PDB file of all heavy atoms in Angstrom:
ATOM      1  N   THR A   1      -8.674  26.216   9.554  1.00  0.00           N
ATOM      2  CA  THR A   1      -7.518  25.494   9.082  1.00  0.00           C
ATOM      3  C   THR A   1      -7.635  24.069   9.051  1.00  0.00           C
ATOM      4  O   THR A   1      -7.272  23.377   8.117  1.00  0.00           O
ATOM      5  CB  THR A   1      -6.244  25.917   9.899  1.00  0.00           C
ATOM      6  OG1 THR A   1      -6.227  27.315   9.961  1.00  0.00           O
ATOM      7  CG2 THR A   1      -4.991  25.406   9.308  1.00  0.00           C
ATOM      8  N   LEU A   2      -8.293  23.569  10.055  1.00  0.00           N
ATOM      9  CA  LEU A   2      -8.566  22.110  10.171  1.00  0.00           C
ATOM     10  C   LEU A   2      -9.404  21.605   9.100  1.00  0.00           C
ATOM     11  O   LEU A   2      -9.161  20.483   8.535  1.00  0.00           O
ATOM     12  CB  LEU A   2      -9.108  21.787  11.526  1.00  0.00           C
ATOM     13  CG  LEU A   2      -8.377  21.502  12.687  1.00  0.00           C
ATOM     14  CD1 LEU A   2      -9.161  21.369  14.009  1.00  0.00           C
ATOM     15  CD2 LEU A   2      -7.496  20.245  12.455  1.00  0.00           C
ATOM     16  N   PHE A   3     -10.432  22.368   8.718  1.00  0.00           N
ATOM     17  CA  PHE A   3     -11.304  21.999   7.650  1.00  0.00           C
ATOM     18  C   PHE A   3     -10.521  21.922   6.261  1.00  0.00           C
ATOM     19  O   PHE A   3     -10.823  21.246   5.303  1.00  0.00           O
ATOM     20  CB  PHE A   3     -12.420  22.950   7.421  1.00  0.00           C
ATOM     21  CG  PHE A   3     -13.490  22.803   8.464  1.00  0.00           C
ATOM     22  CD1 PHE A   3     -14.263  23.783   8.944  1.00  0.00           C
ATOM     23  CD2 PHE A   3     -13.655  21.599   9.096  1.00  0.00           C
ATOM     24  CE1 PHE A   3     -15.209  23.586   9.849  1.00  0.00           C
ATOM     25  CE2 PHE A   3     -14.635  21.398  10.124  1.00  0.00           C
ATOM     26  CZ  PHE A   3     -15.501  22.416  10.439  1.00  0.00           C
ATOM     27  N   GLY A   4      -9.347  22.634   6.106  1.00  0.00           N
ATOM     28  CA  GLY A   4      -8.583  22.558   4.934  1.00  0.00           C
ATOM     29  C   GLY A   4      -7.604  21.477   4.915  1.00  0.00           C
ATOM     30  O   GLY A   4      -6.992  21.297   3.864  1.00  0.00           O
ATOM     31  N   ASN A   5      -7.404  20.736   6.007  1.00  0.00           N
ATOM     32  CA  ASN A   5      -6.549  19.603   6.168  1.00  0.00           C
ATOM     33  C   ASN A   5      -7.293  18.360   5.666  1.00  0.00           C
ATOM     34  O   ASN A   5      -8.349  18.027   6.411  1.00  0.00           O
ATOM     35  CB  ASN A   5      -5.976  19.444   7.563  1.00  0.00           C
ATOM     36  CG  ASN A   5      -4.928  20.479   7.878  1.00  0.00           C
ATOM     37  OD1 ASN A   5      -4.511  21.244   7.066  1.00  0.00           O
ATOM     38  ND2 ASN A   5      -4.429  20.542   9.093  1.00  0.00           N
ATOM     39  N   ASP A   6      -6.699  17.628   4.819  1.00  0.00           N
ATOM     40  CA  ASP A   6      -7.312  16.434   4.224  1.00  0.00           C
ATOM     41  C   ASP A   6      -6.727  15.106   4.661  1.00  0.00           C
ATOM     42  O   ASP A   6      -5.748  14.639   4.354  1.00  0.00           O
ATOM     43  CB  ASP A   6      -7.240  16.565   2.610  1.00  0.00           C
ATOM     44  CG  ASP A   6      -7.809  15.398   2.012  1.00  0.00           C
ATOM     45  OD1 ASP A   6      -8.553  14.568   2.610  1.00  0.00           O
ATOM     46  OD2 ASP A   6      -7.597  15.338   0.662  1.00  0.00           O
ATOM     47  N   VAL A   7      -7.549  14.501   5.619  1.00  0.00           N
ATOM     48  CA  VAL A   7      -6.980  13.163   6.297  1.00  0.00           C
ATOM     49  C   VAL A   7      -6.787  12.122   5.268  1.00  0.00           C
ATOM     50  O   VAL A   7      -5.937  11.347   5.251  1.00  0.00           O
ATOM     51  CB  VAL A   7      -7.773  12.786   7.481  1.00  0.00           C
ATOM     52  CG1 VAL A   7      -9.340  12.425   7.027  1.00  0.00           C
ATOM     53  CG2 VAL A   7      -7.194  11.630   8.213  1.00  0.00           C
ATOM     54  N   THR A   8      -7.901  12.035   4.300  1.00  0.00           N
ATOM     55  CA  THR A   8      -7.799  10.982   3.183  1.00  0.00           C
ATOM     56  C   THR A   8      -6.537  11.088   2.338  1.00  0.00           C
ATOM     57  O   THR A   8      -5.779  10.168   2.087  1.00  0.00           O
ATOM     58  CB  THR A   8      -9.136  10.921   2.472  1.00  0.00           C
ATOM     59  OG1 THR A   8     -10.236  10.775   3.405  1.00  0.00           O
ATOM     60  CG2 THR A   8      -9.096   9.771   1.480  1.00  0.00           C
ATOM     61  N   GLY A   9      -6.265  12.412   1.911  1.00  0.00           N
ATOM     62  CA  GLY A   9      -5.169  12.606   1.100  1.00  0.00           C
ATOM     63  C   GLY A   9      -3.839  12.361   1.787  1.00  0.00           C
ATOM     64  O   GLY A   9      -2.967  11.834   1.129  1.00  0.00           O
ATOM     65  N   TYR A  10      -3.869  12.678   3.077  1.00  0.00           N
ATOM     66  CA  TYR A  10      -2.578  12.505   3.860  1.00  0.00           C
ATOM     67  C   TYR A  10      -2.256  10.940   4.022  1.00  0.00           C
ATOM     68  O   TYR A  10      -1.149  10.642   3.744  1.00  0.00           O
ATOM     69  CB  TYR A  10      -2.737  13.179   5.182  1.00  0.00           C
ATOM     70  CG  TYR A  10      -1.684  12.792   6.138  1.00  0.00           C
ATOM     71  CD1 TYR A  10      -0.299  13.305   5.952  1.00  0.00           C
ATOM     72  CD2 TYR A  10      -1.945  12.036   7.286  1.00  0.00           C
ATOM     73  CE1 TYR A  10       0.760  12.816   6.818  1.00  0.00           C
ATOM     74  CE2 TYR A  10      -0.836  11.747   8.177  1.00  0.00           C
ATOM     75  CZ  TYR A  10       0.390  11.967   7.988  1.00  0.00           C
ATOM     76  OH  TYR A  10       1.444  11.793   8.764  1.00  0.00           O
ATOM     77  N   LEU A  11      -3.295  10.206   4.271  1.00  0.00           N
ATOM     78  CA  LEU A  11      -3.117   8.700   4.595  1.00  0.00           C
ATOM     79  C   LEU A  11      -2.796   8.167   3.285  1.00  0.00           C
ATOM     80  O   LEU A  11      -1.958   7.092   3.097  1.00  0.00           O
ATOM     81  CB  LEU A  11      -4.275   8.200   5.362  1.00  0.00           C
ATOM     82  CG  LEU A  11      -4.383   8.589   6.833  1.00  0.00           C
ATOM     83  CD1 LEU A  11      -5.604   7.931   7.378  1.00  0.00           C
ATOM     84  CD2 LEU A  11      -3.234   8.284   7.659  1.00  0.00           C
ATOM     85  N   THR A  12      -3.438   8.571   2.214  1.00  0.00           N
ATOM     86  CA  THR A  12      -3.172   7.942   0.873  1.00  0.00           C
ATOM     87  C   THR A  12      -1.798   8.229   0.446  1.00  0.00           C
ATOM     88  O   THR A  12      -1.001   7.379  -0.095  1.00  0.00           O
ATOM     89  CB  THR A  12      -4.157   8.518  -0.170  1.00  0.00           C
ATOM     90  OG1 THR A  12      -5.546   8.108   0.251  1.00  0.00           O
ATOM     91  CG2 THR A  12      -3.873   7.806  -1.535  1.00  0.00           C
ATOM     92  N   ALA A  13      -1.384   9.355   0.600  1.00  0.00           N
ATOM     93  CA  ALA A  13       0.134   9.791   0.369  1.00  0.00           C
ATOM     94  C   ALA A  13       1.143   8.889   1.185  1.00  0.00           C
ATOM     95  O   ALA A  13       2.138   8.447   0.660  1.00  0.00           O
ATOM     96  CB  ALA A  13       0.392  11.171   0.685  1.00  0.00           C
ATOM     97  N   VAL A  14       0.688   8.546   2.391  1.00  0.00           N
ATOM     98  CA  VAL A  14       1.596   7.716   3.232  1.00  0.00           C
ATOM     99  C   VAL A  14       1.527   6.354   2.728  1.00  0.00           C
ATOM    100  O   VAL A  14       2.697   5.776   2.697  1.00  0.00           O
ATOM    101  CB  VAL A  14       1.100   7.783   4.796  1.00  0.00           C
ATOM    102  CG1 VAL A  14       1.803   6.777   5.599  1.00  0.00           C
ATOM    103  CG2 VAL A  14       1.294   9.153   5.405  1.00  0.00           C
ATOM    104  N   ALA A  15       0.452   5.890   2.301  1.00  0.00           N
ATOM    105  CA  ALA A  15       0.458   4.489   1.796  1.00  0.00           C
ATOM    106  C   ALA A  15       1.167   4.401   0.459  1.00  0.00           C
ATOM    107  O   ALA A  15       1.908   3.419   0.230  1.00  0.00           O
ATOM    108  CB  ALA A  15      -0.991   4.084   1.461  1.00  0.00           C
ATOM    109  N   ASP A  16       1.142   5.475  -0.408  1.00  0.00           N
ATOM    110  CA  ASP A  16       1.779   5.380  -1.668  1.00  0.00           C
ATOM    111  C   ASP A  16       3.315   5.912  -1.718  1.00  0.00           C
ATOM    112  O   ASP A  16       3.945   5.803  -2.682  1.00  0.00           O
ATOM    113  CB  ASP A  16       1.071   6.309  -2.607  1.00  0.00           C
ATOM    114  CG  ASP A  16      -0.335   5.811  -2.981  1.00  0.00           C
ATOM    115  OD1 ASP A  16      -0.503   4.537  -2.838  1.00  0.00           O
ATOM    116  OD2 ASP A  16      -1.112   6.612  -3.578  1.00  0.00           O
ATOM    117  N   GLY A  17       3.831   6.147  -0.435  1.00  0.00           N
ATOM    118  CA  GLY A  17       5.134   6.734  -0.282  1.00  0.00           C
ATOM    119  C   GLY A  17       5.309   8.083  -0.653  1.00  0.00           C
ATOM    120  O   GLY A  17       6.493   8.579  -0.643  1.00  0.00           O
ATOM    121  N   GLY A  18       4.334   8.881  -0.881  1.00  0.00           N
ATOM    122  CA  GLY A  18       4.435  10.322  -1.147  1.00  0.00           C
ATOM    123  C   GLY A  18       4.614  11.272   0.085  1.00  0.00           C
ATOM    124  O   GLY A  18       4.886  12.384   0.040  1.00  0.00           O
ATOM    125  N   ALA A  19       4.443  10.570   1.275  1.00  0.00           N
ATOM    126  CA  ALA A  19       4.511  11.207   2.496  1.00  0.00           C
ATOM    127  C   ALA A  19       5.089  10.296   3.557  1.00  0.00           C
ATOM    128  O   ALA A  19       4.748   9.046   3.522  1.00  0.00           O
ATOM    129  CB  ALA A  19       3.210  11.821   3.063  1.00  0.00           C
ATOM    130  N   GLU A  20       5.850  10.776   4.421  1.00  0.00           N
ATOM    131  CA  GLU A  20       6.555   9.913   5.597  1.00  0.00           C
ATOM    132  C   GLU A  20       5.372   9.543   6.565  1.00  0.00           C
ATOM    133  O   GLU A  20       4.589  10.434   6.914  1.00  0.00           O
ATOM    134  CB  GLU A  20       7.701  10.622   6.226  1.00  0.00           C
ATOM    135  CG  GLU A  20       8.953  10.781   5.364  1.00  0.00           C
ATOM    136  CD  GLU A  20       9.497   9.355   5.019  1.00  0.00           C
ATOM    137  OE1 GLU A  20       9.498   8.453   5.906  1.00  0.00           O
ATOM    138  OE2 GLU A  20      10.030   9.292   3.885  1.00  0.00           O
ATOM    139  N   ALA A  21       5.427   8.328   6.898  1.00  0.00           N
ATOM    140  CA  ALA A  21       4.455   7.961   8.108  1.00  0.00           C
ATOM    141  C   ALA A  21       4.941   8.502   9.345  1.00  0.00           C
ATOM    142  O   ALA A  21       6.152   8.522   9.665  1.00  0.00           O
ATOM    143  CB  ALA A  21       4.402   6.324   8.219  1.00  0.00           C
ATOM    144  N   PRO A  22       3.947   9.028  10.101  1.00  0.00           N
ATOM    145  CA  PRO A  22       4.426   9.660  11.507  1.00  0.00           C
ATOM    146  C   PRO A  22       5.030   8.575  12.472  1.00  0.00           C
ATOM    147  O   PRO A  22       4.540   7.416  12.329  1.00  0.00           O
ATOM    148  CB  PRO A  22       3.246  10.424  11.891  1.00  0.00           C
ATOM    149  CG  PRO A  22       2.136   9.471  11.320  1.00  0.00           C
ATOM    150  CD  PRO A  22       2.556   9.063   9.966  1.00  0.00           C
ATOM    151  N   ALA A  23       5.887   9.093  13.326  1.00  0.00           N
ATOM    152  CA  ALA A  23       6.343   8.165  14.331  1.00  0.00           C
ATOM    153  C   ALA A  23       5.162   7.895  15.419  1.00  0.00           C
ATOM    154  O   ALA A  23       5.191   6.909  16.005  1.00  0.00           O
ATOM    155  CB  ALA A  23       7.487   8.712  15.179  1.00  0.00           C
ATOM    156  N   LEU A  24       4.376   8.824  15.464  1.00  0.00           N
ATOM    157  CA  LEU A  24       3.137   8.732  16.546  1.00  0.00           C
ATOM    158  C   LEU A  24       1.908   9.246  15.828  1.00  0.00           C
ATOM    159  O   LEU A  24       1.900  10.343  15.291  1.00  0.00           O
ATOM    160  CB  LEU A  24       3.593   9.567  17.725  1.00  0.00           C
ATOM    161  CG  LEU A  24       2.486   9.602  18.894  1.00  0.00           C
ATOM    162  CD1 LEU A  24       2.350   8.166  19.498  1.00  0.00           C
ATOM    163  CD2 LEU A  24       2.870  10.605  20.053  1.00  0.00           C
ATOM    164  N   LEU A  25       0.820   8.400  16.083  1.00  0.00           N
ATOM    165  CA  LEU A  25      -0.402   8.943  15.620  1.00  0.00           C
ATOM    166  C   LEU A  25      -1.479   8.801  16.809  1.00  0.00           C
ATOM    167  O   LEU A  25      -1.550   7.683  17.351  1.00  0.00           O
ATOM    168  CB  LEU A  25      -1.002   8.073  14.426  1.00  0.00           C
ATOM    169  CG  LEU A  25      -2.393   8.306  13.969  1.00  0.00           C
ATOM    170  CD1 LEU A  25      -2.569   9.729  13.474  1.00  0.00           C
ATOM    171  CD2 LEU A  25      -2.769   7.343  12.988  1.00  0.00           C
ATOM    172  N   MET A  26      -2.118   9.967  17.155  1.00  0.00           N
ATOM    173  CA  MET A  26      -3.136   9.848  18.205  1.00  0.00           C
ATOM    174  C   MET A  26      -4.618  10.006  17.602  1.00  0.00           C
ATOM    175  O   MET A  26      -4.753  10.863  16.772  1.00  0.00           O
ATOM    176  CB  MET A  26      -3.008  10.930  19.232  1.00  0.00           C
ATOM    177  CG  MET A  26      -1.700  10.780  19.908  1.00  0.00           C
ATOM    178  SD  MET A  26      -1.569  11.900  21.498  1.00  0.00           S
ATOM    179  CE  MET A  26      -1.370  13.506  20.643  1.00  0.00           C
ATOM    180  N   VAL A  27      -5.506   9.092  17.948  1.00  0.00           N
ATOM    181  CA  VAL A  27      -6.810   9.138  17.249  1.00  0.00           C
ATOM    182  C   VAL A  27      -7.817   9.199  18.412  1.00  0.00           C
ATOM    183  O   VAL A  27      -7.805   8.438  19.296  1.00  0.00           O
ATOM    184  CB  VAL A  27      -7.033   7.770  16.520  1.00  0.00           C
ATOM    185  CG1 VAL A  27      -8.378   7.812  15.819  1.00  0.00           C
ATOM    186  CG2 VAL A  27      -6.103   7.502  15.464  1.00  0.00           C
ATOM    187  N   HIS A  28      -8.749  10.205  18.171  1.00  0.00           N
ATOM    188  CA  HIS A  28      -9.680  10.498  19.217  1.00  0.00           C
ATOM    189  C   HIS A  28     -11.057  10.739  18.575  1.00  0.00           C
ATOM    190  O   HIS A  28     -11.177  11.440  17.726  1.00  0.00           O
ATOM    191  CB  HIS A  28      -9.403  11.718  20.120  1.00  0.00           C
ATOM    192  CG  HIS A  28     -10.439  12.190  20.905  1.00  0.00           C
ATOM    193  ND1 HIS A  28     -11.432  13.133  20.628  1.00  0.00           N
ATOM    194  CD2 HIS A  28     -10.925  11.781  22.223  1.00  0.00           C
ATOM    195  CE1 HIS A  28     -12.293  13.259  21.586  1.00  0.00           C
ATOM    196  NE2 HIS A  28     -12.015  12.489  22.504  1.00  0.00           N
ATOM    197  N   GLY A  29     -12.154   9.924  19.137  1.00  0.00           N
ATOM    198  CA  GLY A  29     -13.506   9.967  18.661  1.00  0.00           C
ATOM    199  C   GLY A  29     -13.601   9.782  17.077  1.00  0.00           C
ATOM    200  O   GLY A  29     -14.569  10.306  16.436  1.00  0.00           O
ATOM    201  N   ALA A  30     -12.777   8.888  16.711  1.00  0.00           N
ATOM    202  CA  ALA A  30     -12.893   8.610  15.179  1.00  0.00           C
ATOM    203  C   ALA A  30     -12.346   7.191  14.977  1.00  0.00           C
ATOM    204  O   ALA A  30     -11.742   6.482  15.825  1.00  0.00           O
ATOM    205  CB  ALA A  30     -11.689   9.499  14.397  1.00  0.00           C
ATOM    206  N   ASN A  31     -12.767   6.674  13.736  1.00  0.00           N
ATOM    207  CA  ASN A  31     -12.464   5.295  13.456  1.00  0.00           C
ATOM    208  C   ASN A  31     -11.939   5.266  12.085  1.00  0.00           C
ATOM    209  O   ASN A  31     -12.764   4.661  11.074  1.00  0.00           O
ATOM    210  CB  ASN A  31     -13.725   4.416  13.598  1.00  0.00           C
ATOM    211  CG  ASN A  31     -13.369   2.919  13.626  1.00  0.00           C
ATOM    212  OD1 ASN A  31     -12.334   2.469  13.499  1.00  0.00           O
ATOM    213  ND2 ASN A  31     -14.424   2.105  13.639  1.00  0.00           N
TER     214      ASN A  31
END
């Protein structure tokens, strides 16, 4: 399921207003 989740598409949608920005984001082992 994780492989089917698209982080780039999600963040792009947040930037463009197509998705709500989360109240909390945790980042591990990634930049």
